Amino acid sequence: MMWDGNGSFGHGAGWEGWMMLLFMIVFVVAAIVAIVFLVKYLSQSSGGGASSAGVAPAPVNAPESAKDIVKRRYAAGEIDREEYLQKLGDL
């Protein structure tokens, strides 16, 4: 095919150009989705965070102990140091 000077090669290249554009868009989207899933998979398989340092993560539905509740309340500023120490001593 030869350049015809009007911005296209040959004649009748209308729908083929749109199909090529559609396939390129689908390919780029598929590549991005594949990269995202690969990154998620690799980050999960490596353990990530505290669990890879040998510290087991706490179970999600584990009940809080009394000492944990007192520590959380002290950290949140709900109780002062004296009350915190007294409650820890009582426990």
PDB file of N, CA and C in Angstrom:
ATOM      1  N   MET A   1       0.839  -1.172   0.000  1.00  0.00           N
ATOM      2  CA  MET A   1       0.000   0.000   0.000  1.00  0.00           C
ATOM      3  C   MET A   1       0.889   1.242   0.000  1.00  0.00           C
ATOM      4  N   MET A   2       0.394   2.240  -0.596  1.00  0.00           N
ATOM      5  CA  MET A   2       1.160   3.470  -0.701  1.00  0.00           C
ATOM      6  C   MET A   2       0.431   4.574   0.038  1.00  0.00           C
ATOM      7  N   TRP A   3       1.208   5.542   0.484  1.00  0.00           N
ATOM      8  CA  TRP A   3       0.654   6.710   1.157  1.00  0.00           C
ATOM      9  C   TRP A   3      -0.091   7.543   0.140  1.00  0.00           C
ATOM     10  N   ASP A   4      -1.385   7.848   0.423  1.00  0.00           N
ATOM     11  CA  ASP A   4      -2.168   8.577  -0.573  1.00  0.00           C
ATOM     12  C   ASP A   4      -2.213  10.082  -0.326  1.00  0.00           C
ATOM     13  N   GLY A   5      -1.539  10.557   0.708  1.00  0.00           N
ATOM     14  CA  GLY A   5      -1.470  11.982   0.967  1.00  0.00           C
ATOM     15  C   GLY A   5      -2.633  12.521   1.765  1.00  0.00           C
ATOM     16  N   ASN A   6      -3.642  11.713   2.033  1.00  0.00           N
ATOM     17  CA  ASN A   6      -4.803  12.172   2.798  1.00  0.00           C
ATOM     18  C   ASN A   6      -4.815  11.634   4.217  1.00  0.00           C
ATOM     19  N   GLY A   7      -3.751  11.089   4.684  1.00  0.00           N
ATOM     20  CA  GLY A   7      -3.655  10.621   6.060  1.00  0.00           C
ATOM     21  C   GLY A   7      -3.972   9.159   6.243  1.00  0.00           C
ATOM     22  N   SER A   8      -4.079   8.372   5.184  1.00  0.00           N
ATOM     23  CA  SER A   8      -4.322   6.947   5.361  1.00  0.00           C
ATOM     24  C   SER A   8      -3.549   6.178   4.300  1.00  0.00           C
ATOM     25  N   PHE A   9      -3.376   4.918   4.514  1.00  0.00           N
ATOM     26  CA  PHE A   9      -2.716   4.050   3.566  1.00  0.00           C
ATOM     27  C   PHE A   9      -3.779   3.356   2.733  1.00  0.00           C
ATOM     28  N   GLY A  10      -3.623   3.365   1.490  1.00  0.00           N
ATOM     29  CA  GLY A  10      -4.526   2.634   0.616  1.00  0.00           C
ATOM     30  C   GLY A  10      -5.937   3.185   0.647  1.00  0.00           C
ATOM     31  N   HIS A  11      -6.880   2.291   0.578  1.00  0.00           N
ATOM     32  CA  HIS A  11      -8.286   2.697   0.579  1.00  0.00           C
ATOM     33  C   HIS A  11      -9.093   1.774   1.493  1.00  0.00           C
ATOM     34  N   GLY A  12     -10.128   2.310   2.098  1.00  0.00           N
ATOM     35  CA  GLY A  12     -11.024   1.507   2.934  1.00  0.00           C
ATOM     36  C   GLY A  12     -10.431   1.036   4.237  1.00  0.00           C
ATOM     37  N   ALA A  13      -9.575   1.811   4.869  1.00  0.00           N
ATOM     38  CA  ALA A  13      -8.949   1.385   6.123  1.00  0.00           C
ATOM     39  C   ALA A  13      -9.711   1.930   7.323  1.00  0.00           C
ATOM     40  N   GLY A  14     -11.002   2.080   7.247  1.00  0.00           N
ATOM     41  CA  GLY A  14     -11.797   2.670   8.317  1.00  0.00           C
ATOM     42  C   GLY A  14     -12.014   1.753   9.496  1.00  0.00           C
ATOM     43  N   TRP A  15     -12.747   0.645   9.309  1.00  0.00           N
ATOM     44  CA  TRP A  15     -13.088  -0.212  10.439  1.00  0.00           C
ATOM     45  C   TRP A  15     -11.903  -0.997  10.952  1.00  0.00           C
ATOM     46  N   GLU A  16     -10.925  -1.261  10.105  1.00  0.00           N
ATOM     47  CA  GLU A  16      -9.742  -1.976  10.579  1.00  0.00           C
ATOM     48  C   GLU A  16      -8.971  -1.154  11.601  1.00  0.00           C
ATOM     49  N   GLY A  17      -8.949   0.149  11.392  1.00  0.00           N
ATOM     50  CA  GLY A  17      -8.282   1.027  12.346  1.00  0.00           C
ATOM     51  C   GLY A  17      -8.969   1.031  13.697  1.00  0.00           C
ATOM     52  N   TRP A  18     -10.301   1.039  13.671  1.00  0.00           N
ATOM     53  CA  TRP A  18     -11.049   1.005  14.940  1.00  0.00           C
ATOM     54  C   TRP A  18     -10.857  -0.325  15.660  1.00  0.00           C
ATOM     55  N   MET A  19     -10.823  -1.415  14.902  1.00  0.00           N
ATOM     56  CA  MET A  19     -10.594  -2.727  15.524  1.00  0.00           C
ATOM     57  C   MET A  19      -9.202  -2.803  16.137  1.00  0.00           C
ATOM     58  N   MET A  20      -8.222  -2.250  15.462  1.00  0.00           N
ATOM     59  CA  MET A  20      -6.857  -2.224  15.989  1.00  0.00           C
ATOM     60  C   MET A  20      -6.815  -1.415  17.283  1.00  0.00           C
ATOM     61  N   LEU A  21      -7.488  -0.270  17.297  1.00  0.00           N
ATOM     62  CA  LEU A  21      -7.536   0.555  18.506  1.00  0.00           C
ATOM     63  C   LEU A  21      -8.220  -0.196  19.641  1.00  0.00           C
ATOM     64  N   LEU A  22      -9.329  -0.863  19.357  1.00  0.00           N
ATOM     65  CA  LEU A  22     -10.046  -1.631  20.371  1.00  0.00           C
ATOM     66  C   LEU A  22      -9.162  -2.737  20.946  1.00  0.00           C
ATOM     67  N   PHE A  23      -8.461  -3.470  20.092  1.00  0.00           N
ATOM     68  CA  PHE A  23      -7.578  -4.536  20.569  1.00  0.00           C
ATOM     69  C   PHE A  23      -6.423  -3.982  21.404  1.00  0.00           C
ATOM     70  N   MET A  24      -5.898  -2.842  21.021  1.00  0.00           N
ATOM     71  CA  MET A  24      -4.819  -2.242  21.811  1.00  0.00           C
ATOM     72  C   MET A  24      -5.321  -1.848  23.198  1.00  0.00           C
ATOM     73  N   ILE A  25      -6.515  -1.264  23.275  1.00  0.00           N
ATOM     74  CA  ILE A  25      -7.080  -0.872  24.576  1.00  0.00           C
ATOM     75  C   ILE A  25      -7.311  -2.100  25.438  1.00  0.00           C
ATOM     76  N   VAL A  26      -7.895  -3.154  24.863  1.00  0.00           N
ATOM     77  CA  VAL A  26      -8.139  -4.391  25.613  1.00  0.00           C
ATOM     78  C   VAL A  26      -6.814  -4.990  26.101  1.00  0.00           C
ATOM     79  N   PHE A  27      -5.798  -4.965  25.271  1.00  0.00           N
ATOM     80  CA  PHE A  27      -4.494  -5.514  25.661  1.00  0.00           C
ATOM     81  C   PHE A  27      -3.883  -4.728  26.813  1.00  0.00           C
ATOM     82  N   VAL A  28      -3.944  -3.406  26.757  1.00  0.00           N
ATOM     83  CA  VAL A  28      -3.369  -2.573  27.819  1.00  0.00           C
ATOM     84  C   VAL A  28      -4.119  -2.789  29.126  1.00  0.00           C
ATOM     85  N   VAL A  29      -5.457  -2.840  29.076  1.00  0.00           N
ATOM     86  CA  VAL A  29      -6.247  -3.065  30.287  1.00  0.00           C
ATOM     87  C   VAL A  29      -5.936  -4.445  30.868  1.00  0.00           C
ATOM     88  N   ALA A  30      -5.840  -5.471  30.015  1.00  0.00           N
ATOM     89  CA  ALA A  30      -5.525  -6.819  30.492  1.00  0.00           C
ATOM     90  C   ALA A  30      -4.137  -6.863  31.129  1.00  0.00           C
ATOM     91  N   ALA A  31      -3.180  -6.154  30.559  1.00  0.00           N
ATOM     92  CA  ALA A  31      -1.832  -6.128  31.133  1.00  0.00           C
ATOM     93  C   ALA A  31      -1.834  -5.453  32.495  1.00  0.00           C
ATOM     94  N   ILE A  32      -2.566  -4.365  32.645  1.00  0.00           N
ATOM     95  CA  ILE A  32      -2.640  -3.666  33.936  1.00  0.00           C
ATOM     96  C   ILE A  32      -3.294  -4.553  34.980  1.00  0.00           C
ATOM     97  N   VAL A  33      -4.398  -5.224  34.624  1.00  0.00           N
ATOM     98  CA  VAL A  33      -5.078  -6.117  35.568  1.00  0.00           C
ATOM     99  C   VAL A  33      -4.154  -7.262  35.975  1.00  0.00           C
ATOM    100  N   ALA A  34      -3.423  -7.821  35.017  1.00  0.00           N
ATOM    101  CA  ALA A  34      -2.494  -8.912  35.334  1.00  0.00           C
ATOM    102  C   ALA A  34      -1.395  -8.447  36.282  1.00  0.00           C
ATOM    103  N   ILE A  35      -0.873  -7.255  36.087  1.00  0.00           N
ATOM    104  CA  ILE A  35       0.172  -6.726  36.970  1.00  0.00           C
ATOM    105  C   ILE A  35      -0.368  -6.516  38.375  1.00  0.00           C
ATOM    106  N   VAL A  36      -1.591  -5.977  38.491  1.00  0.00           N
ATOM    107  CA  VAL A  36      -2.185  -5.754  39.816  1.00  0.00           C
ATOM    108  C   VAL A  36      -2.365  -7.080  40.552  1.00  0.00           C
ATOM    109  N   PHE A  37      -2.909  -8.093  39.864  1.00  0.00           N
ATOM    110  CA  PHE A  37      -3.086  -9.395  40.510  1.00  0.00           C
ATOM    111  C   PHE A  37      -1.754 -10.030  40.875  1.00  0.00           C
ATOM    112  N   LEU A  38      -0.743  -9.864  40.052  1.00  0.00           N
ATOM    113  CA  LEU A  38       0.581 -10.415  40.351  1.00  0.00           C
ATOM    114  C   LEU A  38       1.174  -9.757  41.594  1.00  0.00           C
ATOM    115  N   VAL A  39       1.054  -8.441  41.694  1.00  0.00           N
ATOM    116  CA  VAL A  39       1.582  -7.738  42.861  1.00  0.00           C
ATOM    117  C   VAL A  39       0.833  -8.178  44.127  1.00  0.00           C
ATOM    118  N   LYS A  40      -0.487  -8.296  44.046  1.00  0.00           N
ATOM    119  CA  LYS A  40      -1.255  -8.758  45.211  1.00  0.00           C
ATOM    120  C   LYS A  40      -0.847 -10.168  45.621  1.00  0.00           C
ATOM    121  N   TYR A  41      -0.690 -11.045  44.645  1.00  0.00           N
ATOM    122  CA  TYR A  41      -0.299 -12.420  44.933  1.00  0.00           C
ATOM    123  C   TYR A  41       1.073 -12.488  45.579  1.00  0.00           C
ATOM    124  N   LEU A  42       2.025 -11.751  45.035  1.00  0.00           N
ATOM    125  CA  LEU A  42       3.376 -11.781  45.583  1.00  0.00           C
ATOM    126  C   LEU A  42       3.444 -11.160  46.968  1.00  0.00           C
ATOM    127  N   SER A  43       2.645 -10.129  47.233  1.00  0.00           N
ATOM    128  CA  SER A  43       2.669  -9.519  48.562  1.00  0.00           C
ATOM    129  C   SER A  43       2.030 -10.431  49.598  1.00  0.00           C
ATOM    130  N   GLN A  44       1.041 -11.235  49.211  1.00  0.00           N
ATOM    131  CA  GLN A  44       0.427 -12.175  50.146  1.00  0.00           C
ATOM    132  C   GLN A  44       1.325 -13.367  50.403  1.00  0.00           C
ATOM    133  N   SER A  45       2.001 -13.862  49.382  1.00  0.00           N
ATOM    134  CA  SER A  45       2.832 -15.050  49.550  1.00  0.00           C
ATOM    135  C   SER A  45       4.093 -14.757  50.354  1.00  0.00           C
ATOM    136  N   SER A  46       4.531 -13.494  50.381  1.00  0.00           N
ATOM    137  CA  SER A  46       5.737 -13.171  51.145  1.00  0.00           C
ATOM    138  C   SER A  46       5.433 -12.996  52.621  1.00  0.00           C
ATOM    139  N   GLY A  47       4.185 -13.001  53.009  1.00  0.00           N
ATOM    140  CA  GLY A  47       3.826 -12.874  54.411  1.00  0.00           C
ATOM    141  C   GLY A  47       3.559 -11.441  54.783  1.00  0.00           C
ATOM    142  N   GLY A  48       4.428 -10.540  54.425  1.00  0.00           N
ATOM    143  CA  GLY A  48       4.233  -9.115  54.663  1.00  0.00           C
ATOM    144  C   GLY A  48       4.119  -8.740  56.119  1.00  0.00           C
ATOM    145  N   GLY A  49       4.667  -7.624  56.493  1.00  0.00           N
ATOM    146  CA  GLY A  49       4.471  -7.034  57.815  1.00  0.00           C
ATOM    147  C   GLY A  49       5.042  -7.834  58.959  1.00  0.00           C
ATOM    148  N   ALA A  50       4.292  -7.856  60.072  1.00  0.00           N
ATOM    149  CA  ALA A  50       4.772  -8.435  61.313  1.00  0.00           C
ATOM    150  C   ALA A  50       4.882  -9.949  61.237  1.00  0.00           C
ATOM    151  N   SER A  51       4.042 -10.605  60.431  1.00  0.00           N
ATOM    152  CA  SER A  51       4.081 -12.062  60.403  1.00  0.00           C
ATOM    153  C   SER A  51       5.383 -12.591  59.804  1.00  0.00           C
ATOM    154  N   SER A  52       6.038 -11.828  58.921  1.00  0.00           N
ATOM    155  CA  SER A  52       7.294 -12.293  58.356  1.00  0.00           C
ATOM    156  C   SER A  52       8.451 -12.112  59.336  1.00  0.00           C
ATOM    157  N   ALA A  53       8.242 -11.328  60.400  1.00  0.00           N
ATOM    158  CA  ALA A  53       9.291 -11.111  61.392  1.00  0.00           C
ATOM    159  C   ALA A  53       9.231 -12.150  62.505  1.00  0.00           C
ATOM    160  N   GLY A  54       8.381 -13.184  62.343  1.00  0.00           N
ATOM    161  CA  GLY A  54       8.287 -14.229  63.345  1.00  0.00           C
ATOM    162  C   GLY A  54       7.229 -13.953  64.401  1.00  0.00           C
ATOM    163  N   VAL A  55       6.475 -12.875  64.264  1.00  0.00           N
ATOM    164  CA  VAL A  55       5.423 -12.561  65.213  1.00  0.00           C
ATOM    165  C   VAL A  55       4.102 -12.942  64.576  1.00  0.00           C
ATOM    166  N   ALA A  56       3.375 -13.844  65.213  1.00  0.00           N
ATOM    167  CA  ALA A  56       2.101 -14.276  64.655  1.00  0.00           C
ATOM    168  C   ALA A  56       1.050 -13.197  64.866  1.00  0.00           C
ATOM    169  N   PRO A  57       0.259 -12.892  63.842  1.00  0.00           N
ATOM    170  CA  PRO A  57      -0.791 -11.892  64.011  1.00  0.00           C
ATOM    171  C   PRO A  57      -1.888 -12.417  64.926  1.00  0.00           C
ATOM    172  N   ALA A  58      -2.510 -11.516  65.678  1.00  0.00           N
ATOM    173  CA  ALA A  58      -3.576 -11.905  66.594  1.00  0.00           C
ATOM    174  C   ALA A  58      -4.815 -12.296  65.806  1.00  0.00           C
ATOM    175  N   PRO A  59      -5.538 -13.306  66.271  1.00  0.00           N
ATOM    176  CA  PRO A  59      -6.786 -13.672  65.593  1.00  0.00           C
ATOM    177  C   PRO A  59      -7.761 -12.502  65.616  1.00  0.00           C
ATOM    178  N   VAL A  60      -8.563 -12.407  64.582  1.00  0.00           N
ATOM    179  CA  VAL A  60      -9.453 -11.262  64.438  1.00  0.00           C
ATOM    180  C   VAL A  60     -10.520 -11.235  65.524  1.00  0.00           C
ATOM    181  N   ASN A  61     -11.099 -12.372  65.869  1.00  0.00           N
ATOM    182  CA  ASN A  61     -12.197 -12.423  66.821  1.00  0.00           C
ATOM    183  C   ASN A  61     -11.755 -12.822  68.225  1.00  0.00           C
ATOM    184  N   ALA A  62     -10.488 -12.644  68.557  1.00  0.00           N
ATOM    185  CA  ALA A  62      -9.995 -13.022  69.873  1.00  0.00           C
ATOM    186  C   ALA A  62     -10.534 -12.054  70.919  1.00  0.00           C
ATOM    187  N   PRO A  63     -11.021 -12.574  72.053  1.00  0.00           N
ATOM    188  CA  PRO A  63     -11.510 -11.674  73.095  1.00  0.00           C
ATOM    189  C   PRO A  63     -10.354 -10.917  73.748  1.00  0.00           C
ATOM    190  N   GLU A  64     -10.621  -9.669  74.138  1.00  0.00           N
ATOM    191  CA  GLU A  64      -9.602  -8.844  74.776  1.00  0.00           C
ATOM    192  C   GLU A  64      -9.477  -9.238  76.244  1.00  0.00           C
ATOM    193  N   SER A  65      -8.243  -9.357  76.707  1.00  0.00           N
ATOM    194  CA  SER A  65      -8.055  -9.637  78.127  1.00  0.00           C
ATOM    195  C   SER A  65      -8.247  -8.350  78.923  1.00  0.00           C
ATOM    196  N   ALA A  66      -8.392  -8.502  80.229  1.00  0.00           N
ATOM    197  CA  ALA A  66      -8.603  -7.330  81.085  1.00  0.00           C
ATOM    198  C   ALA A  66      -7.405  -6.391  81.027  1.00  0.00           C
ATOM    199  N   LYS A  67      -6.192  -6.962  80.999  1.00  0.00           N
ATOM    200  CA  LYS A  67      -4.989  -6.131  80.920  1.00  0.00           C
ATOM    201  C   LYS A  67      -4.937  -5.370  79.604  1.00  0.00           C
ATOM    202  N   ASP A  68      -5.354  -6.017  78.514  1.00  0.00           N
ATOM    203  CA  ASP A  68      -5.383  -5.332  77.215  1.00  0.00           C
ATOM    204  C   ASP A  68      -6.360  -4.163  77.226  1.00  0.00           C
ATOM    205  N   ILE A  69      -7.493  -4.350  77.886  1.00  0.00           N
ATOM    206  CA  ILE A  69      -8.488  -3.276  77.961  1.00  0.00           C
ATOM    207  C   ILE A  69      -7.932  -2.091  78.742  1.00  0.00           C
ATOM    208  N   VAL A  70      -7.265  -2.379  79.875  1.00  0.00           N
ATOM    209  CA  VAL A  70      -6.686  -1.305  80.684  1.00  0.00           C
ATOM    210  C   VAL A  70      -5.594  -0.586  79.894  1.00  0.00           C
ATOM    211  N   LYS A  71      -4.748  -1.337  79.201  1.00  0.00           N
ATOM    212  CA  LYS A  71      -3.692  -0.717  78.396  1.00  0.00           C
ATOM    213  C   LYS A  71      -4.276   0.156  77.287  1.00  0.00           C
ATOM    214  N   ARG A  72      -5.333  -0.340  76.641  1.00  0.00           N
ATOM    215  CA  ARG A  72      -5.966   0.440  75.571  1.00  0.00           C
ATOM    216  C   ARG A  72      -6.590   1.713  76.121  1.00  0.00           C
ATOM    217  N   ARG A  73      -7.251   1.633  77.284  1.00  0.00           N
ATOM    218  CA  ARG A  73      -7.870   2.820  77.870  1.00  0.00           C
ATOM    219  C   ARG A  73      -6.815   3.840  78.287  1.00  0.00           C
ATOM    220  N   TYR A  74      -5.671   3.362  78.809  1.00  0.00           N
ATOM    221  CA  TYR A  74      -4.592   4.269  79.196  1.00  0.00           C
ATOM    222  C   TYR A  74      -3.985   4.934  77.958  1.00  0.00           C
ATOM    223  N   ALA A  75      -3.796   4.148  76.904  1.00  0.00           N
ATOM    224  CA  ALA A  75      -3.229   4.695  75.668  1.00  0.00           C
ATOM    225  C   ALA A  75      -4.176   5.714  75.036  1.00  0.00           C
ATOM    226  N   ALA A  76      -5.480   5.513  75.194  1.00  0.00           N
ATOM    227  CA  ALA A  76      -6.453   6.436  74.613  1.00  0.00           C
ATOM    228  C   ALA A  76      -6.649   7.676  75.480  1.00  0.00           C
ATOM    229  N   GLY A  77      -6.080   7.669  76.693  1.00  0.00           N
ATOM    230  CA  GLY A  77      -6.211   8.828  77.572  1.00  0.00           C
ATOM    231  C   GLY A  77      -7.480   8.819  78.410  1.00  0.00           C
ATOM    232  N   GLU A  78      -8.164   7.690  78.466  1.00  0.00           N
ATOM    233  CA  GLU A  78      -9.392   7.595  79.256  1.00  0.00           C
ATOM    234  C   GLU A  78      -9.099   7.533  80.753  1.00  0.00           C
ATOM    235  N   ILE A  79      -7.949   6.979  81.103  1.00  0.00           N
ATOM    236  CA  ILE A  79      -7.561   6.905  82.522  1.00  0.00           C
ATOM    237  C   ILE A  79      -6.156   7.474  82.657  1.00  0.00           C
ATOM    238  N   ASP A  80      -5.839   7.949  83.866  1.00  0.00           N
ATOM    239  CA  ASP A  80      -4.509   8.508  84.081  1.00  0.00           C
ATOM    240  C   ASP A  80      -3.547   7.422  84.559  1.00  0.00           C
ATOM    241  N   ARG A  81      -2.287   7.816  84.810  1.00  0.00           N
ATOM    242  CA  ARG A  81      -1.243   6.859  85.161  1.00  0.00           C
ATOM    243  C   ARG A  81      -1.528   6.165  86.484  1.00  0.00           C
ATOM    244  N   GLU A  82      -1.978   6.913  87.446  1.00  0.00           N
ATOM    245  CA  GLU A  82      -2.250   6.315  88.755  1.00  0.00           C
ATOM    246  C   GLU A  82      -3.343   5.259  88.668  1.00  0.00           C
ATOM    247  N   GLU A  83      -4.426   5.600  87.965  1.00  0.00           N
ATOM    248  CA  GLU A  83      -5.514   4.634  87.826  1.00  0.00           C
ATOM    249  C   GLU A  83      -5.052   3.422  87.016  1.00  0.00           C
ATOM    250  N   TYR A  84      -4.224   3.653  85.995  1.00  0.00           N
ATOM    251  CA  TYR A  84      -3.690   2.568  85.186  1.00  0.00           C
ATOM    252  C   TYR A  84      -2.859   1.610  86.050  1.00  0.00           C
ATOM    253  N   LEU A  85      -1.950   2.154  86.845  1.00  0.00           N
ATOM    254  CA  LEU A  85      -1.095   1.312  87.694  1.00  0.00           C
ATOM    255  C   LEU A  85      -1.923   0.580  88.746  1.00  0.00           C
ATOM    256  N   GLN A  86      -2.941   1.258  89.280  1.00  0.00           N
ATOM    257  CA  GLN A  86      -3.783   0.627  90.299  1.00  0.00           C
ATOM    258  C   GLN A  86      -4.555  -0.542  89.682  1.00  0.00           C
ATOM    259  N   LYS A  87      -5.114  -0.340  88.509  1.00  0.00           N
ATOM    260  CA  LYS A  87      -5.883  -1.405  87.861  1.00  0.00           C
ATOM    261  C   LYS A  87      -4.985  -2.574  87.463  1.00  0.00           C
ATOM    262  N   LEU A  88      -3.757  -2.282  86.995  1.00  0.00           N
ATOM    263  CA  LEU A  88      -2.845  -3.377  86.669  1.00  0.00           C
ATOM    264  C   LEU A  88      -2.464  -4.154  87.926  1.00  0.00           C
ATOM    265  N   GLY A  89      -2.284  -3.432  89.046  1.00  0.00           N
ATOM    266  CA  GLY A  89      -1.969  -4.101  90.305  1.00  0.00           C
ATOM    267  C   GLY A  89      -3.116  -4.979  90.788  1.00  0.00           C
ATOM    268  N   ASP A  90      -4.352  -4.511  90.578  1.00  0.00           N
ATOM    269  CA  ASP A  90      -5.509  -5.292  90.978  1.00  0.00           C
ATOM    270  C   ASP A  90      -5.665  -6.565  90.151  1.00  0.00           C
ATOM    271  N   LEU A  91      -5.236  -6.469  88.900  1.00  0.00           N
ATOM    272  CA  LEU A  91      -5.381  -7.645  88.025  1.00  0.00           C
ATOM    273  C   LEU A  91      -4.256  -8.631  88.285  1.00  0.00           C
TER     274      LEU A  91
END
